[in-house]
């Protein structure tokens, strides 16, 4: 059975890149380009995994994470952001409920390791 991922990023390039990786690992993928779309799509499809950028228009990733977790406290969210090189953003992401954080750009193996960490709860 395929797992379902919601890929949230305002960059078409990064959304497409993450989607391609996840599809190679047997995920079906739904996309959103901002935090408001992320909340709508999460409620619509109830994905197994969410990859979330932070810096996006309309509603940032932190705001979307808050709303998604209010809807589903067990949501499995992986932050994928270029801001994650700063420890303060990693701490904030985890404090707000993300299961893991990864800094863009990343390798396929780094990304898949982070996905597994989120899904397995390690």
N, C-alpha and C. Protein backbone atom coordinates (compact mmCIF):
# COMPACT_ATOMS: atom_id res chain seq x y z
N UNK A 1 0.84 -1.19 0.00
CA UNK A 1 0.00 0.00 0.00
C UNK A 1 0.89 1.25 0.00
N UNK A 2 0.57 2.18 -0.88
CA UNK A 2 1.34 3.42 -0.95
C UNK A 2 1.02 4.33 0.22
N UNK A 3 2.06 5.01 0.67
CA UNK A 3 1.88 6.04 1.69
C UNK A 3 1.58 7.35 0.97
N UNK A 4 0.97 8.28 1.67
CA UNK A 4 0.59 9.56 1.08
C UNK A 4 1.37 10.68 1.77
N UNK A 5 2.00 11.52 0.97
CA UNK A 5 2.76 12.66 1.49
C UNK A 5 2.18 13.96 0.98
N UNK A 6 2.20 14.96 1.83
CA UNK A 6 1.86 16.33 1.46
C UNK A 6 3.15 17.13 1.45
N UNK A 7 3.51 17.64 0.28
CA UNK A 7 4.75 18.41 0.11
C UNK A 7 4.38 19.88 0.03
N UNK A 8 4.88 20.66 1.00
CA UNK A 8 4.51 22.08 1.10
C UNK A 8 5.75 22.94 0.92
N UNK A 9 5.78 23.71 -0.16
CA UNK A 9 6.91 24.60 -0.44
C UNK A 9 6.46 25.60 -1.49
N UNK A 10 6.84 26.86 -1.33
CA UNK A 10 6.47 27.86 -2.33
C UNK A 10 7.35 27.78 -3.57
N UNK A 11 8.44 27.05 -3.52
CA UNK A 11 9.33 26.88 -4.67
C UNK A 11 8.89 25.69 -5.50
N UNK A 12 8.51 25.96 -6.75
CA UNK A 12 8.14 24.86 -7.65
C UNK A 12 9.26 23.84 -7.77
N UNK A 13 10.50 24.34 -7.82
CA UNK A 13 11.67 23.47 -7.97
C UNK A 13 11.78 22.50 -6.79
N UNK A 14 11.71 23.01 -5.56
CA UNK A 14 11.85 22.13 -4.40
C UNK A 14 10.65 21.20 -4.25
N UNK A 15 9.43 21.70 -4.52
CA UNK A 15 8.27 20.81 -4.47
C UNK A 15 8.44 19.66 -5.43
N UNK A 16 8.85 19.97 -6.65
CA UNK A 16 9.04 18.94 -7.66
C UNK A 16 10.15 17.96 -7.27
N UNK A 17 11.24 18.48 -6.75
CA UNK A 17 12.36 17.63 -6.34
C UNK A 17 11.95 16.67 -5.23
N UNK A 18 11.28 17.20 -4.22
CA UNK A 18 10.84 16.36 -3.10
C UNK A 18 9.80 15.35 -3.58
N UNK A 19 8.89 15.79 -4.42
CA UNK A 19 7.87 14.89 -4.97
C UNK A 19 8.53 13.73 -5.70
N UNK A 20 9.51 14.03 -6.55
CA UNK A 20 10.18 12.97 -7.31
C UNK A 20 10.87 11.96 -6.40
N UNK A 21 11.53 12.44 -5.36
CA UNK A 21 12.19 11.53 -4.42
C UNK A 21 11.15 10.64 -3.74
N UNK A 22 10.10 11.25 -3.23
CA UNK A 22 9.09 10.47 -2.51
C UNK A 22 8.40 9.45 -3.41
N UNK A 23 8.13 9.82 -4.65
CA UNK A 23 7.51 8.87 -5.57
C UNK A 23 8.42 7.68 -5.84
N UNK A 24 9.73 7.91 -5.87
CA UNK A 24 10.68 6.80 -6.03
C UNK A 24 10.61 5.84 -4.84
N UNK A 25 10.19 6.35 -3.69
CA UNK A 25 10.08 5.53 -2.48
C UNK A 25 8.62 5.15 -2.19
N UNK A 26 7.83 5.07 -3.25
CA UNK A 26 6.48 4.51 -3.20
C UNK A 26 5.46 5.37 -2.43
N UNK A 27 5.64 6.68 -2.46
CA UNK A 27 4.65 7.59 -1.90
C UNK A 27 3.78 8.15 -3.02
N UNK A 28 2.50 8.35 -2.73
CA UNK A 28 1.68 9.22 -3.54
C UNK A 28 1.89 10.61 -2.96
N UNK A 29 1.85 11.64 -3.81
CA UNK A 29 2.18 12.99 -3.34
C UNK A 29 1.10 13.99 -3.73
N UNK A 30 0.72 14.80 -2.75
CA UNK A 30 -0.15 15.95 -2.95
C UNK A 30 0.70 17.17 -2.63
N UNK A 31 0.51 18.26 -3.36
CA UNK A 31 1.35 19.44 -3.20
C UNK A 31 0.55 20.65 -2.72
N UNK A 32 1.24 21.53 -1.99
CA UNK A 32 0.69 22.82 -1.58
C UNK A 32 1.82 23.85 -1.66
N UNK A 33 1.48 25.09 -2.04
CA UNK A 33 2.53 26.10 -2.24
C UNK A 33 2.57 27.17 -1.15
N UNK A 34 1.71 27.03 -0.13
CA UNK A 34 1.76 27.95 1.02
C UNK A 34 1.06 27.29 2.21
N UNK A 35 1.15 27.93 3.35
CA UNK A 35 0.59 27.35 4.56
C UNK A 35 -0.92 27.18 4.53
N UNK A 36 -1.63 28.11 3.91
CA UNK A 36 -3.08 27.99 3.83
C UNK A 36 -3.49 26.78 3.00
N UNK A 37 -2.83 26.58 1.86
CA UNK A 37 -3.10 25.39 1.05
C UNK A 37 -2.75 24.12 1.82
N UNK A 38 -1.68 24.18 2.60
CA UNK A 38 -1.24 23.01 3.37
C UNK A 38 -2.33 22.56 4.34
N UNK A 39 -2.92 23.50 5.05
CA UNK A 39 -3.98 23.16 6.01
C UNK A 39 -5.16 22.53 5.28
N UNK A 40 -5.58 23.16 4.20
CA UNK A 40 -6.70 22.64 3.41
C UNK A 40 -6.41 21.22 2.92
N UNK A 41 -5.24 21.02 2.32
CA UNK A 41 -4.89 19.71 1.76
C UNK A 41 -4.72 18.67 2.86
N UNK A 42 -4.17 19.07 4.00
CA UNK A 42 -4.02 18.10 5.10
C UNK A 42 -5.39 17.57 5.51
N UNK A 43 -6.33 18.45 5.70
CA UNK A 43 -7.67 18.03 6.12
C UNK A 43 -8.36 17.21 5.03
N UNK A 44 -8.07 17.52 3.78
CA UNK A 44 -8.71 16.82 2.66
C UNK A 44 -8.17 15.41 2.49
N UNK A 45 -6.85 15.22 2.58
CA UNK A 45 -6.26 13.92 2.23
C UNK A 45 -5.69 13.14 3.41
N UNK A 46 -5.50 13.78 4.56
CA UNK A 46 -4.95 13.13 5.76
C UNK A 46 -3.70 12.30 5.45
N UNK A 47 -2.61 12.98 5.08
CA UNK A 47 -1.40 12.27 4.64
C UNK A 47 -0.66 11.57 5.77
N UNK A 48 0.16 10.62 5.37
CA UNK A 48 1.04 9.90 6.29
C UNK A 48 2.18 10.79 6.75
N UNK A 49 2.63 11.68 5.86
CA UNK A 49 3.80 12.52 6.07
C UNK A 49 3.56 13.90 5.49
N UNK A 50 4.06 14.93 6.17
CA UNK A 50 4.06 16.29 5.63
C UNK A 50 5.50 16.79 5.60
N UNK A 51 5.95 17.28 4.44
CA UNK A 51 7.22 18.01 4.39
C UNK A 51 6.85 19.49 4.28
N UNK A 52 7.43 20.30 5.16
CA UNK A 52 6.98 21.69 5.31
C UNK A 52 8.14 22.67 5.21
N UNK A 53 8.04 23.58 4.25
CA UNK A 53 8.96 24.73 4.21
C UNK A 53 8.50 25.71 5.29
N UNK A 54 9.36 26.64 5.66
CA UNK A 54 8.99 27.63 6.67
C UNK A 54 8.64 28.98 6.05
N UNK A 55 9.50 29.51 5.22
CA UNK A 55 9.32 30.85 4.67
C UNK A 55 8.47 30.78 3.41
N UNK A 56 7.15 31.05 3.57
CA UNK A 56 6.20 30.99 2.44
C UNK A 56 5.22 32.14 2.54
N UNK A 57 4.59 32.51 1.42
CA UNK A 57 3.59 33.58 1.44
C UNK A 57 2.28 33.14 2.08
N UNK A 58 1.47 34.11 2.43
CA UNK A 58 0.13 33.96 3.00
C UNK A 58 0.14 33.41 4.42
N UNK A 59 0.77 32.27 4.64
CA UNK A 59 0.92 31.71 5.99
C UNK A 59 2.20 30.89 5.99
N UNK A 60 3.09 31.19 6.93
CA UNK A 60 4.37 30.49 6.95
C UNK A 60 4.21 29.06 7.49
N UNK A 61 5.29 28.31 7.41
CA UNK A 61 5.25 26.92 7.84
C UNK A 61 4.94 26.74 9.31
N UNK A 62 5.46 27.63 10.16
CA UNK A 62 5.17 27.52 11.59
C UNK A 62 3.67 27.68 11.86
N UNK A 63 3.04 28.63 11.19
CA UNK A 63 1.59 28.81 11.34
C UNK A 63 0.80 27.61 10.84
N UNK A 64 1.24 27.05 9.72
CA UNK A 64 0.57 25.87 9.17
C UNK A 64 0.74 24.67 10.10
N UNK A 65 1.94 24.50 10.65
CA UNK A 65 2.18 23.39 11.59
C UNK A 65 1.23 23.51 12.78
N UNK A 66 1.10 24.71 13.33
CA UNK A 66 0.21 24.93 14.47
C UNK A 66 -1.22 24.51 14.14
N UNK A 67 -1.72 24.94 13.00
CA UNK A 67 -3.10 24.62 12.62
C UNK A 67 -3.28 23.13 12.34
N UNK A 68 -2.31 22.53 11.67
CA UNK A 68 -2.40 21.09 11.37
C UNK A 68 -2.41 20.28 12.66
N UNK A 69 -1.53 20.64 13.61
CA UNK A 69 -1.47 19.90 14.87
C UNK A 69 -2.69 20.13 15.75
N UNK A 70 -3.34 21.29 15.62
CA UNK A 70 -4.60 21.50 16.33
C UNK A 70 -5.68 20.57 15.76
N UNK A 71 -5.61 20.30 14.47
CA UNK A 71 -6.55 19.41 13.81
C UNK A 71 -6.21 17.95 14.07
N UNK A 72 -4.92 17.62 14.06
CA UNK A 72 -4.45 16.23 14.23
C UNK A 72 -3.14 16.24 15.01
N UNK A 73 -3.22 15.98 16.30
CA UNK A 73 -2.03 16.04 17.16
C UNK A 73 -0.98 15.00 16.79
N UNK A 74 -1.35 13.99 16.00
CA UNK A 74 -0.42 12.93 15.61
C UNK A 74 0.21 13.15 14.23
N UNK A 75 -0.01 14.32 13.64
CA UNK A 75 0.55 14.61 12.31
C UNK A 75 2.07 14.43 12.34
N UNK A 76 2.60 13.84 11.29
CA UNK A 76 4.04 13.59 11.17
C UNK A 76 4.61 14.61 10.19
N UNK A 77 5.29 15.61 10.76
CA UNK A 77 5.75 16.75 9.97
C UNK A 77 7.27 16.83 9.99
N UNK A 78 7.83 16.93 8.79
CA UNK A 78 9.27 17.11 8.59
C UNK A 78 9.47 18.50 8.00
N UNK A 79 10.17 19.37 8.73
CA UNK A 79 10.48 20.69 8.20
C UNK A 79 11.65 20.57 7.25
N UNK A 80 11.49 21.09 6.04
CA UNK A 80 12.54 21.14 5.02
C UNK A 80 12.72 22.60 4.64
N UNK A 81 13.73 23.24 5.18
CA UNK A 81 13.88 24.67 4.97
C UNK A 81 15.34 25.07 4.94
N UNK A 82 15.64 26.09 4.16
CA UNK A 82 17.00 26.63 4.14
C UNK A 82 17.31 27.37 5.44
N UNK A 83 16.31 27.65 6.25
CA UNK A 83 16.52 28.34 7.52
C UNK A 83 17.00 27.39 8.61
N UNK A 84 17.01 26.09 8.36
CA UNK A 84 17.32 25.12 9.41
C UNK A 84 18.81 25.03 9.74
N UNK A 85 19.64 25.83 9.09
CA UNK A 85 21.05 25.84 9.45
C UNK A 85 21.26 26.57 10.78
N UNK A 86 20.28 27.29 11.24
CA UNK A 86 20.36 28.01 12.52
C UNK A 86 19.68 27.18 13.61
N UNK A 87 20.41 26.91 14.67
CA UNK A 87 19.87 26.10 15.77
C UNK A 87 18.57 26.65 16.33
N UNK A 88 18.43 27.97 16.33
CA UNK A 88 17.22 28.58 16.88
C UNK A 88 15.99 28.16 16.09
N UNK A 89 16.11 28.02 14.77
CA UNK A 89 14.97 27.59 13.95
C UNK A 89 14.68 26.11 14.14
N UNK A 90 15.71 25.30 14.31
CA UNK A 90 15.50 23.87 14.59
C UNK A 90 14.75 23.72 15.90
N UNK A 91 15.21 24.42 16.93
CA UNK A 91 14.55 24.35 18.24
C UNK A 91 13.10 24.80 18.15
N UNK A 92 12.87 25.89 17.42
CA UNK A 92 11.50 26.38 17.28
C UNK A 92 10.63 25.38 16.53
N UNK A 93 11.17 24.78 15.47
CA UNK A 93 10.42 23.80 14.70
C UNK A 93 10.01 22.60 15.54
N UNK A 94 10.95 22.09 16.33
CA UNK A 94 10.65 20.94 17.20
C UNK A 94 9.67 21.35 18.30
N UNK A 95 9.88 22.53 18.87
CA UNK A 95 8.98 23.02 19.91
C UNK A 95 7.55 23.16 19.38
N UNK A 96 7.43 23.55 18.13
CA UNK A 96 6.09 23.74 17.54
C UNK A 96 5.46 22.44 17.08
N UNK A 97 6.21 21.33 17.16
CA UNK A 97 5.59 20.03 16.90
C UNK A 97 6.11 19.26 15.71
N UNK A 98 7.08 19.79 14.98
CA UNK A 98 7.68 19.01 13.90
C UNK A 98 8.43 17.84 14.50
N UNK A 99 8.44 16.71 13.81
CA UNK A 99 9.14 15.52 14.30
C UNK A 99 10.62 15.57 13.97
N UNK A 100 10.99 16.32 12.93
CA UNK A 100 12.40 16.46 12.54
C UNK A 100 12.53 17.66 11.62
N UNK A 101 13.77 18.11 11.44
CA UNK A 101 14.08 19.25 10.57
C UNK A 101 15.28 18.88 9.71
N UNK A 102 15.27 19.35 8.47
CA UNK A 102 16.40 19.15 7.57
C UNK A 102 16.63 20.45 6.80
N UNK A 103 17.89 20.76 6.58
CA UNK A 103 18.26 22.01 5.91
C UNK A 103 18.41 21.79 4.41
N UNK A 104 17.74 22.64 3.61
CA UNK A 104 17.93 22.62 2.16
C UNK A 104 19.20 23.39 1.84
N UNK A 105 19.96 22.98 0.87
CA UNK A 105 19.79 21.76 0.07
C UNK A 105 20.25 20.53 0.84
N UNK A 106 19.72 19.37 0.48
CA UNK A 106 20.08 18.11 1.14
C UNK A 106 20.24 17.03 0.08
N UNK A 107 20.91 15.95 0.46
CA UNK A 107 21.06 14.82 -0.45
C UNK A 107 19.83 13.93 -0.33
N UNK A 108 19.64 13.06 -1.30
CA UNK A 108 18.52 12.12 -1.25
C UNK A 108 18.62 11.26 0.00
N UNK A 109 19.81 10.77 0.31
CA UNK A 109 19.95 9.90 1.49
C UNK A 109 19.66 10.66 2.79
N UNK A 110 20.10 11.91 2.89
CA UNK A 110 19.78 12.71 4.08
C UNK A 110 18.27 12.90 4.22
N UNK A 111 17.62 13.17 3.09
CA UNK A 111 16.18 13.38 3.10
C UNK A 111 15.44 12.11 3.52
N UNK A 112 15.79 10.98 2.90
CA UNK A 112 15.11 9.72 3.21
C UNK A 112 15.37 9.31 4.66
N UNK A 113 16.58 9.55 5.16
CA UNK A 113 16.84 9.27 6.58
C UNK A 113 15.93 10.09 7.48
N UNK A 114 15.72 11.36 7.12
CA UNK A 114 14.83 12.22 7.91
C UNK A 114 13.37 11.76 7.81
N UNK A 115 12.96 11.36 6.62
CA UNK A 115 11.60 10.83 6.43
C UNK A 115 11.40 9.60 7.32
N UNK A 116 12.36 8.68 7.30
CA UNK A 116 12.25 7.48 8.13
C UNK A 116 12.23 7.83 9.61
N UNK A 117 13.02 8.81 10.01
CA UNK A 117 13.03 9.26 11.40
C UNK A 117 11.64 9.74 11.82
N UNK A 118 11.00 10.50 10.95
CA UNK A 118 9.67 11.02 11.24
C UNK A 118 8.64 9.89 11.29
N UNK A 119 8.66 9.02 10.30
CA UNK A 119 7.65 7.97 10.22
C UNK A 119 7.82 6.91 11.30
N UNK A 120 9.06 6.64 11.69
CA UNK A 120 9.31 5.62 12.70
C UNK A 120 9.34 6.20 14.11
N UNK A 121 9.28 7.53 14.20
CA UNK A 121 9.27 8.18 15.50
C UNK A 121 10.57 8.09 16.26
N UNK A 122 11.67 8.00 15.54
CA UNK A 122 12.99 7.87 16.20
C UNK A 122 13.55 9.23 16.53
